[in-house]
Protein backbone atom coordinates (compact mmCIF):
# COMPACT_ATOMS: atom_id res chain seq x y z
CA UNK A 1 84.43 133.40 94.21
CA UNK A 2 87.69 131.46 94.29
CA UNK A 3 87.91 128.09 92.59
CA UNK A 4 88.16 125.18 95.06
CA UNK A 5 91.71 123.93 95.71
CA UNK A 6 92.66 120.28 95.70
CA UNK A 7 95.69 118.27 96.78
CA UNK A 8 97.21 115.26 95.09
CA UNK A 9 97.47 112.48 97.65
CA UNK A 10 98.93 108.97 97.67
CA UNK A 11 98.38 106.00 99.96
CA UNK A 12 100.86 103.39 101.21
CA UNK A 13 100.11 101.23 98.15
CA UNK A 14 101.20 104.17 95.95
CA UNK A 15 97.70 104.73 94.59
CA UNK A 16 96.87 108.36 93.79
CA UNK A 17 93.79 110.47 94.29
CA UNK A 18 92.82 114.10 94.75
CA UNK A 19 91.39 115.56 97.93
CA UNK A 20 89.77 118.86 98.80
CA UNK A 21 92.43 121.11 100.37
CA UNK A 22 90.06 122.27 103.10
CA UNK A 23 89.38 118.76 104.45
CA UNK A 24 91.49 116.59 106.72
CA UNK A 25 93.14 113.69 104.91
CA UNK A 26 91.77 110.24 105.68
CA UNK A 27 94.03 107.76 107.47
CA UNK A 28 96.64 106.19 105.23
CA UNK A 29 96.77 109.04 102.69
CA UNK A 30 99.61 111.56 102.38
CA UNK A 31 100.16 114.77 100.42
CA UNK A 32 102.66 114.47 97.55
CA UNK A 33 103.35 118.20 97.28
CA UNK A 34 101.08 119.17 94.38
CA UNK A 35 98.02 121.38 94.75
CA UNK A 36 95.80 123.19 92.28
CA UNK A 37 92.42 123.15 90.64
CA UNK A 38 90.61 119.86 90.20
CA UNK A 39 91.65 119.72 86.56
CA UNK A 40 95.32 120.53 87.34
CA UNK A 41 95.45 117.84 90.01
CA UNK A 42 93.83 115.23 87.77
CA UNK A 43 96.33 116.08 85.01
CA UNK A 44 99.20 115.67 87.48
CA UNK A 45 97.88 112.28 88.63
CA UNK A 46 97.54 111.23 84.99
CA UNK A 47 101.17 112.20 84.36
CA UNK A 48 102.75 110.52 87.41
CA UNK A 49 100.59 107.42 87.99
CA UNK A 50 101.73 105.34 85.06
CA UNK A 51 101.29 101.88 86.63
CA UNK A 52 97.95 101.62 88.38
CA UNK A 53 98.69 98.33 90.09
CA UNK A 54 99.06 98.64 93.88
CA UNK A 55 102.68 98.57 95.10
CA UNK A 56 102.24 95.13 96.72
CA UNK A 57 101.06 93.65 93.41
CA UNK A 58 103.93 95.27 91.45
CA UNK A 59 106.47 93.93 93.95
CA UNK A 60 104.97 90.43 93.92
CA UNK A 61 105.24 90.24 90.14
CA UNK A 62 108.98 90.98 90.04
């Protein structure tokens, strides 16, 4: 049996998550171009999401 595939997704506030590749994305979330196992996707999110504050908060604190 094949291991489930996941996508790395990001919302308009630049917050990341992973989503099952066989499900439709919820409104406001977009694929970022990375797919893999759950562990691979979580590792990718860990590597790219270095500032967990929402975009609006980061911009307001400039």
